[in-house]
């Protein structure tokens, strides 16, 4: 029986670009488990065996909702990036485009 080995890249806020921390995992590990044991300050992670970004405790809003909230400039930037949703990064006022292959995982921490 071959073990599934994959790399998880955690994205951590800091500086102009997020810092990255790579971890190698084996077996079948759920996104919930990876989010629960994420390093402090991590807001998202990318798995090498799946596509997209998984945001930890993010809040997803549609472009229409952003317009209703008066965030027109943010809505325009999200549409310019080719997305129809935006995700608010946990515990910050920062936003990122949210694509159809992305996911959000909610943790208790």
PDB file of N, CA and C in Angstrom:
ATOM      1  N   UNK A   1       0.838  -1.164   0.000  1.00  0.00           N
ATOM      2  CA  UNK A   1       0.000   0.000   0.000  1.00  0.00           C
ATOM      3  C   UNK A   1       0.893   1.240   0.000  1.00  0.00           C
ATOM      4  N   UNK A   2       0.743   2.078  -0.985  1.00  0.00           N
ATOM      5  CA  UNK A   2       1.554   3.282  -1.097  1.00  0.00           C
ATOM      6  C   UNK A   2       0.926   4.406  -0.274  1.00  0.00           C
ATOM      7  N   UNK A   3       1.753   5.152   0.397  1.00  0.00           N
ATOM      8  CA  UNK A   3       1.270   6.275   1.200  1.00  0.00           C
ATOM      9  C   UNK A   3       1.172   7.517   0.330  1.00  0.00           C
ATOM     10  N   UNK A   4       0.100   8.256   0.502  1.00  0.00           N
ATOM     11  CA  UNK A   4      -0.060   9.513  -0.214  1.00  0.00           C
ATOM     12  C   UNK A   4       0.751  10.582   0.501  1.00  0.00           C
ATOM     13  N   UNK A   5       1.688  11.173  -0.200  1.00  0.00           N
ATOM     14  CA  UNK A   5       2.525  12.233   0.374  1.00  0.00           C
ATOM     15  C   UNK A   5       2.218  13.523  -0.372  1.00  0.00           C
ATOM     16  N   UNK A   6       1.969  14.589   0.392  1.00  0.00           N
ATOM     17  CA  UNK A   6       1.686  15.888  -0.214  1.00  0.00           C
ATOM     18  C   UNK A   6       2.289  16.986   0.649  1.00  0.00           C
ATOM     19  N   UNK A   7       2.419  18.158   0.052  1.00  0.00           N
ATOM     20  CA  UNK A   7       2.987  19.316   0.742  1.00  0.00           C
ATOM     21  C   UNK A   7       1.891  20.331   1.007  1.00  0.00           C
ATOM     22  N   UNK A   8       1.898  20.880   2.200  1.00  0.00           N
ATOM     23  CA  UNK A   8       0.972  21.946   2.573  1.00  0.00           C
ATOM     24  C   UNK A   8       1.788  23.214   2.748  1.00  0.00           C
ATOM     25  N   UNK A   9       1.404  24.268   2.042  1.00  0.00           N
ATOM     26  CA  UNK A   9       2.056  25.567   2.166  1.00  0.00           C
ATOM     27  C   UNK A   9       1.109  26.496   2.910  1.00  0.00           C
ATOM     28  N   UNK A  10       1.467  26.851   4.138  1.00  0.00           N
ATOM     29  CA  UNK A  10       0.667  27.782   4.930  1.00  0.00           C
ATOM     30  C   UNK A  10       1.064  29.201   4.570  1.00  0.00           C
ATOM     31  N   UNK A  11       0.065  30.069   4.403  1.00  0.00           N
ATOM     32  CA  UNK A  11       0.302  31.487   4.125  1.00  0.00           C
ATOM     33  C   UNK A  11       0.104  32.256   5.422  1.00  0.00           C
ATOM     34  N   UNK A  12       1.130  33.033   5.801  1.00  0.00           N
ATOM     35  CA  UNK A  12       1.131  33.751   7.074  1.00  0.00           C
ATOM     36  C   UNK A  12       1.310  35.235   6.785  1.00  0.00           C
ATOM     37  N   UNK A  13       0.473  36.065   7.399  1.00  0.00           N
ATOM     38  CA  UNK A  13       0.571  37.507   7.183  1.00  0.00           C
ATOM     39  C   UNK A  13       1.907  38.045   7.667  1.00  0.00           C
ATOM     40  N   UNK A  14       2.445  38.973   6.907  1.00  0.00           N
ATOM     41  CA  UNK A  14       3.698  39.604   7.291  1.00  0.00           C
ATOM     42  C   UNK A  14       4.372  40.222   6.094  1.00  0.00           C
ATOM     43  N   UNK A  15       4.613  41.512   6.144  1.00  0.00           N
ATOM     44  CA  UNK A  15       5.298  42.180   5.050  1.00  0.00           C
ATOM     45  C   UNK A  15       4.386  42.449   3.875  1.00  0.00           C
ATOM     46  N   UNK A  16       4.993  42.768   2.744  1.00  0.00           N
ATOM     47  CA  UNK A  16       4.237  43.077   1.537  1.00  0.00           C
ATOM     48  C   UNK A  16       3.556  41.827   0.983  1.00  0.00           C
ATOM     49  N   UNK A  17       4.257  40.705   0.996  1.00  0.00           N
ATOM     50  CA  UNK A  17       3.705  39.428   0.554  1.00  0.00           C
ATOM     51  C   UNK A  17       3.611  38.512   1.760  1.00  0.00           C
ATOM     52  N   UNK A  18       2.673  37.570   1.736  1.00  0.00           N
ATOM     53  CA  UNK A  18       2.592  36.645   2.869  1.00  0.00           C
ATOM     54  C   UNK A  18       3.827  35.754   2.956  1.00  0.00           C
ATOM     55  N   UNK A  19       4.220  35.442   4.175  1.00  0.00           N
ATOM     56  CA  UNK A  19       5.290  34.471   4.375  1.00  0.00           C
ATOM     57  C   UNK A  19       4.713  33.085   4.146  1.00  0.00           C
ATOM     58  N   UNK A  20       5.572  32.137   3.842  1.00  0.00           N
ATOM     59  CA  UNK A  20       5.140  30.773   3.589  1.00  0.00           C
ATOM     60  C   UNK A  20       5.867  29.802   4.503  1.00  0.00           C
ATOM     61  N   UNK A  21       5.141  28.778   4.927  1.00  0.00           N
ATOM     62  CA  UNK A  21       5.746  27.698   5.711  1.00  0.00           C
ATOM     63  C   UNK A  21       5.276  26.393   5.097  1.00  0.00           C
ATOM     64  N   UNK A  22       6.219  25.588   4.628  1.00  0.00           N
ATOM     65  CA  UNK A  22       5.897  24.309   3.990  1.00  0.00           C
ATOM     66  C   UNK A  22       5.978  23.166   4.991  1.00  0.00           C
ATOM     67  N   UNK A  23       5.038  22.247   4.871  1.00  0.00           N
ATOM     68  CA  UNK A  23       4.993  21.062   5.714  1.00  0.00           C
ATOM     69  C   UNK A  23       4.659  19.867   4.833  1.00  0.00           C
ATOM     70  N   UNK A  24       5.338  18.776   5.036  1.00  0.00           N
ATOM     71  CA  UNK A  24       5.045  17.557   4.294  1.00  0.00           C
ATOM     72  C   UNK A  24       4.125  16.678   5.131  1.00  0.00           C
ATOM     73  N   UNK A  25       3.065  16.189   4.500  1.00  0.00           N
ATOM     74  CA  UNK A  25       2.100  15.326   5.187  1.00  0.00           C
ATOM     75  C   UNK A  25       1.955  14.029   4.402  1.00  0.00           C
ATOM     76  N   UNK A  26       1.523  12.995   5.071  1.00  0.00           N
ATOM     77  CA  UNK A  26       1.266  11.734   4.389  1.00  0.00           C
ATOM     78  C   UNK A  26      -0.067  11.192   4.876  1.00  0.00           C
ATOM     79  N   UNK A  27      -0.670  10.371   4.065  1.00  0.00           N
ATOM     80  CA  UNK A  27      -1.967   9.801   4.405  1.00  0.00           C
ATOM     81  C   UNK A  27      -3.101  10.704   3.972  1.00  0.00           C
ATOM     82  N   UNK A  28      -4.236  10.455   4.538  1.00  0.00           N
ATOM     83  CA  UNK A  28      -5.420  11.260   4.232  1.00  0.00           C
ATOM     84  C   UNK A  28      -5.691  12.198   5.388  1.00  0.00           C
ATOM     85  N   UNK A  29      -5.421  13.462   5.178  1.00  0.00           N
ATOM     86  CA  UNK A  29      -5.602  14.476   6.201  1.00  0.00           C
ATOM     87  C   UNK A  29      -6.652  15.457   5.696  1.00  0.00           C
ATOM     88  N   UNK A  30      -7.657  15.724   6.510  1.00  0.00           N
ATOM     89  CA  UNK A  30      -8.729  16.622   6.089  1.00  0.00           C
ATOM     90  C   UNK A  30      -8.277  18.081   6.186  1.00  0.00           C
ATOM     91  N   UNK A  31      -8.985  18.936   5.464  1.00  0.00           N
ATOM     92  CA  UNK A  31      -8.702  20.366   5.533  1.00  0.00           C
ATOM     93  C   UNK A  31      -8.969  20.914   6.934  1.00  0.00           C
ATOM     94  N   UNK A  32      -9.974  20.365   7.613  1.00  0.00           N
ATOM     95  CA  UNK A  32     -10.271  20.796   8.981  1.00  0.00           C
ATOM     96  C   UNK A  32      -9.087  20.554   9.911  1.00  0.00           C
ATOM     97  N   UNK A  33      -8.462  19.386   9.780  1.00  0.00           N
ATOM     98  CA  UNK A  33      -7.308  19.059  10.619  1.00  0.00           C
ATOM     99  C   UNK A  33      -6.127  19.966  10.305  1.00  0.00           C
ATOM    100  N   UNK A  34      -5.876  20.197   9.012  1.00  0.00           N
ATOM    101  CA  UNK A  34      -4.775  21.085   8.631  1.00  0.00           C
ATOM    102  C   UNK A  34      -5.006  22.504   9.143  1.00  0.00           C
ATOM    103  N   UNK A  35      -6.243  22.966   9.131  1.00  0.00           N
ATOM    104  CA  UNK A  35      -6.554  24.310   9.632  1.00  0.00           C
ATOM    105  C   UNK A  35      -6.407  24.372  11.149  1.00  0.00           C
ATOM    106  N   UNK A  36      -6.821  23.317  11.831  1.00  0.00           N
ATOM    107  CA  UNK A  36      -6.757  23.308  13.292  1.00  0.00           C
ATOM    108  C   UNK A  36      -5.315  23.364  13.796  1.00  0.00           C
ATOM    109  N   UNK A  37      -4.390  22.729  13.065  1.00  0.00           N
ATOM    110  CA  UNK A  37      -2.992  22.689  13.490  1.00  0.00           C
ATOM    111  C   UNK A  37      -2.103  23.641  12.683  1.00  0.00           C
ATOM    112  N   UNK A  38      -2.703  24.662  12.098  1.00  0.00           N
ATOM    113  CA  UNK A  38      -1.944  25.658  11.338  1.00  0.00           C
ATOM    114  C   UNK A  38      -1.073  26.484  12.275  1.00  0.00           C
ATOM    115  N   UNK A  39       0.060  26.979  11.788  1.00  0.00           N
ATOM    116  CA  UNK A  39       0.907  27.840  12.629  1.00  0.00           C
ATOM    117  C   UNK A  39       0.184  29.142  12.968  1.00  0.00           C
ATOM    118  N   UNK A  40       0.600  29.776  14.048  1.00  0.00           N
ATOM    119  CA  UNK A  40      -0.004  31.049  14.455  1.00  0.00           C
ATOM    120  C   UNK A  40       0.161  32.075  13.342  1.00  0.00           C
ATOM    121  N   UNK A  41      -0.904  32.803  13.065  1.00  0.00           N
ATOM    122  CA  UNK A  41      -0.862  33.841  12.044  1.00  0.00           C
ATOM    123  C   UNK A  41      -1.219  33.354  10.650  1.00  0.00           C
ATOM    124  N   UNK A  42      -1.392  32.050  10.461  1.00  0.00           N
ATOM    125  CA  UNK A  42      -1.732  31.518   9.136  1.00  0.00           C
ATOM    126  C   UNK A  42      -3.183  31.856   8.825  1.00  0.00           C
ATOM    127  N   UNK A  43      -3.419  32.373   7.627  1.00  0.00           N
ATOM    128  CA  UNK A  43      -4.780  32.709   7.222  1.00  0.00           C
ATOM    129  C   UNK A  43      -5.285  31.802   6.107  1.00  0.00           C
ATOM    130  N   UNK A  44      -4.400  31.034   5.490  1.00  0.00           N
ATOM    131  CA  UNK A  44      -4.794  30.146   4.394  1.00  0.00           C
ATOM    132  C   UNK A  44      -3.700  29.108   4.176  1.00  0.00           C
ATOM    133  N   UNK A  45      -4.048  28.079   3.387  1.00  0.00           N
ATOM    134  CA  UNK A  45      -3.039  27.107   2.986  1.00  0.00           C
ATOM    135  C   UNK A  45      -3.369  26.561   1.613  1.00  0.00           C
ATOM    136  N   UNK A  46      -2.321  26.031   0.967  1.00  0.00           N
ATOM    137  CA  UNK A  46      -2.431  25.440  -0.355  1.00  0.00           C
ATOM    138  C   UNK A  46      -1.908  24.013  -0.254  1.00  0.00           C
ATOM    139  N   UNK A  47      -2.686  23.063  -0.742  1.00  0.00           N
ATOM    140  CA  UNK A  47      -2.276  21.656  -0.756  1.00  0.00           C
ATOM    141  C   UNK A  47      -1.757  21.308  -2.134  1.00  0.00           C
ATOM    142  N   UNK A  48      -0.684  20.515  -2.190  1.00  0.00           N
ATOM    143  CA  UNK A  48      -0.137  20.120  -3.491  1.00  0.00           C
ATOM    144  C   UNK A  48      -0.998  19.056  -4.169  1.00  0.00           C
ATOM    145  N   UNK A  49      -1.868  18.381  -3.419  1.00  0.00           N
ATOM    146  CA  UNK A  49      -2.707  17.341  -4.011  1.00  0.00           C
ATOM    147  C   UNK A  49      -4.094  17.833  -4.406  1.00  0.00           C
ATOM    148  N   UNK A  50      -4.414  19.094  -4.134  1.00  0.00           N
ATOM    149  CA  UNK A  50      -5.698  19.686  -4.502  1.00  0.00           C
ATOM    150  C   UNK A  50      -5.456  21.063  -5.107  1.00  0.00           C
ATOM    151  N   UNK A  51      -6.387  21.536  -5.888  1.00  0.00           N
ATOM    152  CA  UNK A  51      -6.278  22.869  -6.456  1.00  0.00           C
ATOM    153  C   UNK A  51      -6.929  23.902  -5.553  1.00  0.00           C
ATOM    154  N   UNK A  52      -6.573  25.145  -5.754  1.00  0.00           N
ATOM    155  CA  UNK A  52      -7.193  26.238  -5.020  1.00  0.00           C
ATOM    156  C   UNK A  52      -6.550  26.518  -3.676  1.00  0.00           C
ATOM    157  N   UNK A  53      -7.066  27.551  -3.046  1.00  0.00           N
ATOM    158  CA  UNK A  53      -6.593  28.003  -1.742  1.00  0.00           C
ATOM    159  C   UNK A  53      -7.683  27.706  -0.719  1.00  0.00           C
ATOM    160  N   UNK A  54      -7.284  27.231   0.452  1.00  0.00           N
ATOM    161  CA  UNK A  54      -8.228  27.018   1.544  1.00  0.00           C
ATOM    162  C   UNK A  54      -7.979  28.103   2.578  1.00  0.00           C
ATOM    163  N   UNK A  55      -8.985  28.952   2.792  1.00  0.00           N
ATOM    164  CA  UNK A  55      -8.886  30.046   3.756  1.00  0.00           C
ATOM    165  C   UNK A  55      -9.365  29.560   5.113  1.00  0.00           C
ATOM    166  N   UNK A  56      -8.665  29.972   6.158  1.00  0.00           N
ATOM    167  CA  UNK A  56      -8.993  29.569   7.519  1.00  0.00           C
ATOM    168  C   UNK A  56      -9.847  30.665   8.146  1.00  0.00           C
ATOM    169  N   UNK A  57     -11.067  30.331   8.531  1.00  0.00           N
ATOM    170  CA  UNK A  57     -11.997  31.256   9.183  1.00  0.00           C
ATOM    171  C   UNK A  57     -12.247  32.521   8.372  1.00  0.00           C
ATOM    172  N   UNK A  58     -12.301  32.423   7.064  1.00  0.00           N
ATOM    173  CA  UNK A  58     -12.580  33.580   6.219  1.00  0.00           C
ATOM    174  C   UNK A  58     -14.067  33.803   6.051  1.00  0.00           C
ATOM    175  N   UNK A  59     -14.433  35.006   5.653  1.00  0.00           N
ATOM    176  CA  UNK A  59     -15.833  35.351   5.395  1.00  0.00           C
ATOM    177  C   UNK A  59     -15.971  35.666   3.915  1.00  0.00           C
ATOM    178  N   UNK A  60     -16.816  34.930   3.213  1.00  0.00           N
ATOM    179  CA  UNK A  60     -16.979  35.088   1.771  1.00  0.00           C
ATOM    180  C   UNK A  60     -18.199  35.956   1.488  1.00  0.00           C
ATOM    181  N   UNK A  61     -17.993  36.974   0.642  1.00  0.00           N
ATOM    182  CA  UNK A  61     -19.089  37.846   0.213  1.00  0.00           C
ATOM    183  C   UNK A  61     -19.085  37.949  -1.297  1.00  0.00           C
ATOM    184  N   UNK A  62     -20.266  38.022  -1.886  1.00  0.00           N
ATOM    185  CA  UNK A  62     -20.369  38.191  -3.330  1.00  0.00           C
ATOM    186  C   UNK A  62     -20.088  39.637  -3.702  1.00  0.00           C
ATOM    187  N   UNK A  63     -19.797  39.865  -4.980  1.00  0.00           N
ATOM    188  CA  UNK A  63     -19.544  41.227  -5.467  1.00  0.00           C
ATOM    189  C   UNK A  63     -20.791  42.077  -5.277  1.00  0.00           C
ATOM    190  N   UNK A  64     -21.962  41.495  -5.509  1.00  0.00           N
ATOM    191  CA  UNK A  64     -23.211  42.241  -5.318  1.00  0.00           C
ATOM    192  C   UNK A  64     -23.362  42.705  -3.869  1.00  0.00           C
ATOM    193  N   UNK A  65     -23.012  41.845  -2.934  1.00  0.00           N
ATOM    194  CA  UNK A  65     -23.096  42.211  -1.504  1.00  0.00           C
ATOM    195  C   UNK A  65     -22.085  43.310  -1.167  1.00  0.00           C
ATOM    196  N   UNK A  66     -20.899  43.242  -1.756  1.00  0.00           N
ATOM    197  CA  UNK A  66     -19.898  44.283  -1.525  1.00  0.00           C
ATOM    198  C   UNK A  66     -20.393  45.636  -2.028  1.00  0.00           C
ATOM    199  N   UNK A  67     -21.071  45.633  -3.168  1.00  0.00           N
ATOM    200  CA  UNK A  67     -21.631  46.881  -3.710  1.00  0.00           C
ATOM    201  C   UNK A  67     -22.691  47.428  -2.762  1.00  0.00           C
ATOM    202  N   UNK A  68     -23.553  46.547  -2.244  1.00  0.00           N
ATOM    203  CA  UNK A  68     -24.578  46.981  -1.289  1.00  0.00           C
ATOM    204  C   UNK A  68     -23.966  47.551  -0.011  1.00  0.00           C
ATOM    205  N   UNK A  69     -22.809  47.036   0.377  1.00  0.00           N
ATOM    206  CA  UNK A  69     -22.124  47.535   1.578  1.00  0.00           C
ATOM    207  C   UNK A  69     -21.327  48.802   1.312  1.00  0.00           C
ATOM    208  N   UNK A  70     -21.300  49.255   0.045  1.00  0.00           N
ATOM    209  CA  UNK A  70     -20.586  50.483  -0.293  1.00  0.00           C
ATOM    210  C   UNK A  70     -19.111  50.292  -0.587  1.00  0.00           C
ATOM    211  N   UNK A  71     -18.686  49.086  -0.794  1.00  0.00           N
ATOM    212  CA  UNK A  71     -17.278  48.805  -1.086  1.00  0.00           C
ATOM    213  C   UNK A  71     -17.100  48.659  -2.600  1.00  0.00           C
ATOM    214  N   UNK A  72     -17.345  49.751  -3.315  1.00  0.00           N
ATOM    215  CA  UNK A  72     -17.323  49.728  -4.779  1.00  0.00           C
ATOM    216  C   UNK A  72     -15.927  49.468  -5.330  1.00  0.00           C
ATOM    217  N   UNK A  73     -14.931  50.115  -4.762  1.00  0.00           N
ATOM    218  CA  UNK A  73     -13.561  49.938  -5.251  1.00  0.00           C
ATOM    219  C   UNK A  73     -13.093  48.489  -5.077  1.00  0.00           C
ATOM    220  N   UNK A  74     -13.414  47.902  -3.937  1.00  0.00           N
ATOM    221  CA  UNK A  74     -13.062  46.499  -3.696  1.00  0.00           C
ATOM    222  C   UNK A  74     -13.785  45.593  -4.693  1.00  0.00           C
ATOM    223  N   UNK A  75     -15.053  45.856  -4.934  1.00  0.00           N
ATOM    224  CA  UNK A  75     -15.824  45.051  -5.885  1.00  0.00           C
ATOM    225  C   UNK A  75     -15.222  45.136  -7.282  1.00  0.00           C
ATOM    226  N   UNK A  76     -14.789  46.320  -7.696  1.00  0.00           N
ATOM    227  CA  UNK A  76     -14.175  46.485  -9.013  1.00  0.00           C
ATOM    228  C   UNK A  76     -12.864  45.703  -9.118  1.00  0.00           C
ATOM    229  N   UNK A  77     -12.072  45.727  -8.049  1.00  0.00           N
ATOM    230  CA  UNK A  77     -10.803  44.992  -8.057  1.00  0.00           C
ATOM    231  C   UNK A  77     -11.029  43.487  -8.107  1.00  0.00           C
ATOM    232  N   UNK A  78     -12.037  43.015  -7.402  1.00  0.00           N
ATOM    233  CA  UNK A  78     -12.336  41.581  -7.395  1.00  0.00           C
ATOM    234  C   UNK A  78     -12.778  41.134  -8.784  1.00  0.00           C
ATOM    235  N   UNK A  79     -13.642  41.917  -9.422  1.00  0.00           N
ATOM    236  CA  UNK A  79     -14.090  41.585 -10.776  1.00  0.00           C
ATOM    237  C   UNK A  79     -12.921  41.645 -11.760  1.00  0.00           C
ATOM    238  N   UNK A  80     -12.025  42.616 -11.583  1.00  0.00           N
ATOM    239  CA  UNK A  80     -10.855  42.728 -12.460  1.00  0.00           C
ATOM    240  C   UNK A  80      -9.934  41.514 -12.318  1.00  0.00           C
ATOM    241  N   UNK A  81      -9.917  40.885 -11.153  1.00  0.00           N
ATOM    242  CA  UNK A  81      -9.119  39.675 -10.942  1.00  0.00           C
ATOM    243  C   UNK A  81      -9.807  38.426 -11.492  1.00  0.00           C
ATOM    244  N   UNK A  82     -11.031  38.573 -11.988  1.00  0.00           N
ATOM    245  CA  UNK A  82     -11.739  37.439 -12.577  1.00  0.00           C
ATOM    246  C   UNK A  82     -12.565  36.642 -11.586  1.00  0.00           C
ATOM    247  N   UNK A  83     -12.824  37.185 -10.425  1.00  0.00           N
ATOM    248  CA  UNK A  83     -13.608  36.481  -9.412  1.00  0.00           C
ATOM    249  C   UNK A  83     -14.969  37.167  -9.251  1.00  0.00           C
ATOM    250  N   UNK A  84     -15.916  36.452  -8.684  1.00  0.00           N
ATOM    251  CA  UNK A  84     -17.220  37.035  -8.392  1.00  0.00           C
ATOM    252  C   UNK A  84     -17.495  37.050  -6.887  1.00  0.00           C
ATOM    253  N   UNK A  85     -16.522  36.603  -6.114  1.00  0.00           N
ATOM    254  CA  UNK A  85     -16.608  36.611  -4.659  1.00  0.00           C
ATOM    255  C   UNK A  85     -15.313  37.159  -4.082  1.00  0.00           C
ATOM    256  N   UNK A  86     -15.405  37.645  -2.845  1.00  0.00           N
ATOM    257  CA  UNK A  86     -14.224  38.080  -2.110  1.00  0.00           C
ATOM    258  C   UNK A  86     -14.254  37.406  -0.746  1.00  0.00           C
ATOM    259  N   UNK A  87     -13.091  37.149  -0.200  1.00  0.00           N
ATOM    260  CA  UNK A  87     -13.007  36.558   1.125  1.00  0.00           C
ATOM    261  C   UNK A  87     -12.248  37.530   2.032  1.00  0.00           C
ATOM    262  N   UNK A  88     -12.840  37.796   3.206  1.00  0.00           N
ATOM    263  CA  UNK A  88     -12.160  38.631   4.196  1.00  0.00           C
ATOM    264  C   UNK A  88     -11.262  37.727   5.023  1.00  0.00           C
ATOM    265  N   UNK A  89      -9.999  38.086   5.084  1.00  0.00           N
ATOM    266  CA  UNK A  89      -9.020  37.286   5.824  1.00  0.00           C
ATOM    267  C   UNK A  89      -9.275  37.468   7.315  1.00  0.00           C
ATOM    268  N   UNK A  90      -9.265  36.363   8.036  1.00  0.00           N
ATOM    269  CA  UNK A  90      -9.637  36.372   9.459  1.00  0.00           C
ATOM    270  C   UNK A  90      -8.838  37.397  10.269  1.00  0.00           C
ATOM    271  N   UNK A  91      -9.530  38.034  11.202  1.00  0.00           N
ATOM    272  CA  UNK A  91      -8.933  38.966  12.162  1.00  0.00           C
ATOM    273  C   UNK A  91      -8.217  40.138  11.504  1.00  0.00           C
ATOM    274  N   UNK A  92      -8.541  40.466  10.257  1.00  0.00           N
ATOM    275  CA  UNK A  92      -7.921  41.602   9.582  1.00  0.00           C
ATOM    276  C   UNK A  92      -8.987  42.368   8.813  1.00  0.00           C
ATOM    277  N   UNK A  93      -8.560  43.436   8.178  1.00  0.00           N
ATOM    278  CA  UNK A  93      -9.438  44.179   7.283  1.00  0.00           C
ATOM    279  C   UNK A  93      -9.022  43.940   5.829  1.00  0.00           C
ATOM    280  N   UNK A  94      -8.260  42.887   5.590  1.00  0.00           N
ATOM    281  CA  UNK A  94      -7.758  42.572   4.262  1.00  0.00           C
ATOM    282  C   UNK A  94      -8.709  41.638   3.530  1.00  0.00           C
ATOM    283  N   UNK A  95      -8.757  41.784   2.210  1.00  0.00           N
ATOM    284  CA  UNK A  95      -9.615  40.966   1.361  1.00  0.00           C
ATOM    285  C   UNK A  95      -8.778  40.292   0.289  1.00  0.00           C
ATOM    286  N   UNK A  96      -9.267  39.177  -0.230  1.00  0.00           N
ATOM    287  CA  UNK A  96      -8.620  38.463  -1.334  1.00  0.00           C
ATOM    288  C   UNK A  96      -9.707  37.973  -2.286  1.00  0.00           C
ATOM    289  N   UNK A  97      -9.367  37.822  -3.574  1.00  0.00           N
ATOM    290  CA  UNK A  97     -10.356  37.247  -4.492  1.00  0.00           C
ATOM    291  C   UNK A  97     -10.620  35.788  -4.138  1.00  0.00           C
ATOM    292  N   UNK A  98     -11.860  35.381  -4.273  1.00  0.00           N
ATOM    293  CA  UNK A  98     -12.270  34.014  -3.946  1.00  0.00           C
ATOM    294  C   UNK A  98     -12.801  33.375  -5.223  1.00  0.00           C
ATOM    295  N   UNK A  99     -12.096  32.364  -5.703  1.00  0.00           N
ATOM    296  CA  UNK A  99     -12.461  31.688  -6.947  1.00  0.00           C
ATOM    297  C   UNK A  99     -13.281  30.433  -6.645  1.00  0.00           C
ATOM    298  N   UNK A 100     -13.877  29.856  -7.660  1.00  0.00           N
ATOM    299  CA  UNK A 100     -14.760  28.711  -7.479  1.00  0.00           C
ATOM    300  C   UNK A 100     -14.041  27.483  -6.924  1.00  0.00           C
ATOM    301  N   UNK A 101     -12.725  27.357  -7.138  1.00  0.00           N
ATOM    302  CA  UNK A 101     -11.999  26.189  -6.623  1.00  0.00           C
ATOM    303  C   UNK A 101     -11.463  26.410  -5.200  1.00  0.00           C
ATOM    304  N   UNK A 102     -11.649  27.610  -4.658  1.00  0.00           N
ATOM    305  CA  UNK A 102     -11.195  27.902  -3.296  1.00  0.00           C
ATOM    306  C   UNK A 102     -12.216  27.377  -2.282  1.00  0.00           C
ATOM    307  N   UNK A 103     -11.771  27.268  -1.029  1.00  0.00           N
ATOM    308  CA  UNK A 103     -12.619  26.789   0.044  1.00  0.00           C
ATOM    309  C   UNK A 103     -12.368  27.621   1.301  1.00  0.00           C
ATOM    310  N   UNK A 104     -13.331  27.559   2.227  1.00  0.00           N
ATOM    311  CA  UNK A 104     -13.172  28.179   3.531  1.00  0.00           C
ATOM    312  C   UNK A 104     -13.416  27.099   4.573  1.00  0.00           C
ATOM    313  N   UNK A 105     -12.533  27.032   5.571  1.00  0.00           N
ATOM    314  CA  UNK A 105     -12.656  26.082   6.669  1.00  0.00           C
ATOM    315  C   UNK A 105     -12.816  26.880   7.952  1.00  0.00           C
ATOM    316  N   UNK A 106     -13.791  26.524   8.753  1.00  0.00           N
ATOM    317  CA  UNK A 106     -14.025  27.208  10.030  1.00  0.00           C
ATOM    318  C   UNK A 106     -13.444  26.366  11.161  1.00  0.00           C
ATOM    319  N   UNK A 107     -12.686  27.023  12.024  1.00  0.00           N
ATOM    320  CA  UNK A 107     -12.101  26.341  13.178  1.00  0.00           C
ATOM    321  C   UNK A 107     -12.677  26.946  14.454  1.00  0.00           C
ATOM    322  N   UNK A 108     -12.372  26.328  15.565  1.00  0.00           N
ATOM    323  CA  UNK A 108     -12.859  26.825  16.844  1.00  0.00           C
ATOM    324  C   UNK A 108     -11.835  27.685  17.566  1.00  0.00           C
ATOM    325  N   UNK A 109     -10.662  27.899  16.902  1.00  0.00           N
ATOM    326  CA  UNK A 109      -9.647  28.686  17.613  1.00  0.00           C
ATOM    327  C   UNK A 109      -9.670  30.124  17.233  1.00  0.00           C
TER     328      UNK A 109
END
